[in-house]
């Protein structure tokens, strides 16, 4: 194995980027004597999302703009908090959150799932939520595009 500090220029940068990417899905779990790192799955599949929604054990937050939801629709049971409001919304006091979004503000231990059109904005919202201490947060990478494809397919098959 070639050690990163022996590499030059762009090769070194590529190795550092791959190490950084590998560390992105890791979360520290502090024990009595050591810090252990475990990979935490932050992506939710269509079937996992359907099960979570049926269990009513999550808050699904659609981070698209309001006009997108009005024009194209939304995943049933989701609430709309546009991406540029996510950080502020998750730090609001519970009364203001309820007034603005008509939902109970999630606690840092609640299961949150973020969605958008195709997974780009929901990943940014996930990163924001995790940085604010919402460590049970995930995102639905397939987004609205994947959701409607599966839903159409299931309805067509009569499921």
Protein backbone atom coordinates (compact mmCIF):
# COMPACT_ATOMS: atom_id res chain seq x y z
CA UNK A 1 0.00 0.00 0.00
CA UNK A 2 1.24 3.48 -0.85
CA UNK A 3 1.05 5.88 2.05
CA UNK A 4 -0.86 9.13 1.31
CA UNK A 5 1.98 11.42 2.37
CA UNK A 6 4.25 9.79 -0.21
CA UNK A 7 1.91 10.65 -3.06
CA UNK A 8 2.31 13.84 -5.03
CA UNK A 9 -0.15 16.42 -6.36
CA UNK A 10 -3.49 15.18 -7.66
CA UNK A 11 -2.89 11.57 -6.61
CA UNK A 12 -2.50 12.69 -2.99
CA UNK A 13 -5.63 14.81 -3.19
CA UNK A 14 -7.60 11.87 -4.65
CA UNK A 15 -6.51 9.59 -1.81
CA UNK A 16 -7.41 12.22 0.79
CA UNK A 17 -10.83 12.72 -0.82
CA UNK A 18 -11.51 8.97 -0.76
CA UNK A 19 -10.49 8.76 2.92
CA UNK A 20 -12.72 11.72 3.72
CA UNK A 21 -15.63 10.11 1.82
CA UNK A 22 -15.12 6.85 3.70
CA UNK A 23 -15.29 8.68 7.01
CA UNK A 24 -18.47 10.58 6.12
CA UNK A 25 -20.79 7.75 7.16
CA UNK A 26 -19.08 7.11 10.48
CA UNK A 27 -20.28 8.15 13.89
CA UNK A 28 -18.29 8.00 17.11
CA UNK A 29 -19.64 5.78 19.86
CA UNK A 30 -17.89 6.60 23.09
CA UNK A 31 -17.18 3.72 25.42
CA UNK A 32 -15.53 3.78 28.83
CA UNK A 33 -12.02 3.48 27.46
CA UNK A 34 -12.10 3.73 23.68
CA UNK A 35 -13.90 5.50 20.86
CA UNK A 36 -15.39 2.99 18.43
CA UNK A 37 -16.52 3.94 14.95
CA UNK A 38 -19.42 2.27 13.23
CA UNK A 39 -20.94 2.87 9.83
CA UNK A 40 -24.44 4.32 10.16
CA UNK A 41 -26.77 3.80 7.23
CA UNK A 42 -28.26 7.18 6.39
CA UNK A 43 -30.09 6.18 3.19
CA UNK A 44 -33.62 4.78 3.24
CA UNK A 45 -34.97 2.65 0.39
CA UNK A 46 -38.49 2.92 -0.99
CA UNK A 47 -39.63 -0.21 0.87
CA UNK A 48 -38.01 0.93 4.13
CA UNK A 49 -39.73 4.31 3.80
CA UNK A 50 -43.11 2.64 3.15
CA UNK A 51 -42.65 0.52 6.29
CA UNK A 52 -41.58 3.52 8.37
CA UNK A 53 -44.59 5.53 7.18
CA UNK A 54 -46.93 2.63 7.95
CA UNK A 55 -45.45 2.35 11.45
CA UNK A 56 -46.05 6.08 11.96
CA UNK A 57 -42.68 6.10 13.73
CA UNK A 58 -41.03 8.86 11.65
CA UNK A 59 -41.37 12.44 10.59
CA UNK A 60 -40.90 12.66 6.82
CA UNK A 61 -39.74 16.13 5.82
CA UNK A 62 -39.93 17.11 2.15
CA UNK A 63 -37.35 19.84 1.56
CA UNK A 64 -38.53 20.89 -1.90
CA UNK A 65 -39.97 24.35 -2.46
CA UNK A 66 -43.71 24.74 -1.78
CA UNK A 67 -44.48 25.37 -5.48
CA UNK A 68 -42.88 22.01 -6.40
CA UNK A 69 -45.16 20.16 -4.02
CA UNK A 70 -48.23 22.05 -5.27
CA UNK A 71 -47.32 21.32 -8.87
CA UNK A 72 -46.08 17.72 -8.63
CA UNK A 73 -47.45 16.30 -5.37
CA UNK A 74 -45.87 14.87 -2.24
CA UNK A 75 -45.34 11.62 -0.42
CA UNK A 76 -48.41 11.09 1.79
CA UNK A 77 -47.65 11.90 5.41
CA UNK A 78 -44.74 14.23 4.65
CA UNK A 79 -44.46 17.80 5.84
CA UNK A 80 -42.85 20.56 3.81
CA UNK A 81 -39.87 22.44 5.20
CA UNK A 82 -37.90 23.93 2.28
CA UNK A 83 -34.16 23.22 2.41
CA UNK A 84 -33.21 26.81 3.22
CA UNK A 85 -35.46 26.67 6.34
CA UNK A 86 -34.34 23.29 7.72
CA UNK A 87 -31.56 24.53 10.02
CA UNK A 88 -33.70 27.28 11.50
CA UNK A 89 -36.76 25.03 11.80
CA UNK A 90 -34.90 22.33 13.73
CA UNK A 91 -33.71 24.99 16.20
CA UNK A 92 -37.10 26.66 16.71
CA UNK A 93 -38.90 26.51 19.99
CA UNK A 94 -41.71 23.91 19.89
CA UNK A 95 -44.54 26.46 19.92
CA UNK A 96 -43.18 28.37 16.91
CA UNK A 97 -42.51 25.12 15.04
CA UNK A 98 -46.09 23.93 15.64
CA UNK A 99 -47.47 27.30 14.56
CA UNK A 100 -45.44 27.44 11.35
CA UNK A 101 -45.49 23.78 10.23
CA UNK A 102 -48.65 22.52 11.99
CA UNK A 103 -46.70 19.58 13.46
CA UNK A 104 -45.03 18.77 16.76
CA UNK A 105 -41.35 19.71 16.62
CA UNK A 106 -39.17 16.59 16.48
CA UNK A 107 -36.75 15.91 19.32
CA UNK A 108 -33.12 15.05 18.63
CA UNK A 109 -33.87 11.37 19.28
CA UNK A 110 -36.86 11.19 16.90
CA UNK A 111 -36.61 9.36 13.59
CA UNK A 112 -36.45 11.93 10.79
CA UNK A 113 -36.33 11.17 7.09
CA UNK A 114 -35.68 13.90 4.55
CA UNK A 115 -36.83 13.70 0.94
CA UNK A 116 -36.73 15.95 -2.12
CA UNK A 117 -36.95 15.41 -5.87
CA UNK A 118 -33.95 13.14 -6.39
CA UNK A 119 -31.82 13.01 -3.24
CA UNK A 120 -29.50 16.02 -3.56
CA UNK A 121 -31.33 18.49 -1.31
CA UNK A 122 -32.39 15.80 1.14
CA UNK A 123 -28.73 14.84 1.64
CA UNK A 124 -27.92 18.48 2.44
CA UNK A 125 -30.84 18.59 4.90
CA UNK A 126 -29.59 15.35 6.48
CA UNK A 127 -26.12 16.83 6.93
CA UNK A 128 -27.66 19.91 8.57
CA UNK A 129 -29.81 17.82 10.91
CA UNK A 130 -26.90 15.59 11.95
CA UNK A 131 -24.74 18.65 12.60
CA UNK A 132 -27.50 19.89 14.94
CA UNK A 133 -27.51 16.61 16.89
CA UNK A 134 -30.34 14.72 15.14
CA UNK A 135 -28.42 11.44 14.92
CA UNK A 136 -31.45 9.31 14.00
CA UNK A 137 -31.97 11.32 10.82
CA UNK A 138 -31.86 9.67 7.38
CA UNK A 139 -32.73 10.60 3.84
CA UNK A 140 -34.68 8.98 1.04
CA UNK A 141 -32.16 9.25 -1.78
CA UNK A 142 -34.67 8.18 -4.46
CA UNK A 143 -36.88 11.14 -3.69
CA UNK A 144 -40.18 12.04 -5.31
CA UNK A 145 -39.02 10.74 -8.70
CA UNK A 146 -38.45 7.21 -7.37
CA UNK A 147 -41.54 7.30 -5.14
CA UNK A 148 -43.95 8.04 -8.00
CA UNK A 149 -42.29 5.41 -10.19
CA UNK A 150 -42.82 2.71 -7.56
CA UNK A 151 -46.30 3.91 -6.64
CA UNK A 152 -47.38 3.91 -10.31
CA UNK A 153 -45.91 0.45 -10.78
CA UNK A 154 -47.69 -0.92 -7.69
CA UNK A 155 -51.03 0.58 -8.71
CA UNK A 156 -50.62 -0.80 -12.24
CA UNK A 157 -49.96 -4.28 -10.82
CA UNK A 158 -52.93 -3.94 -8.46
CA UNK A 159 -50.87 -4.23 -5.25
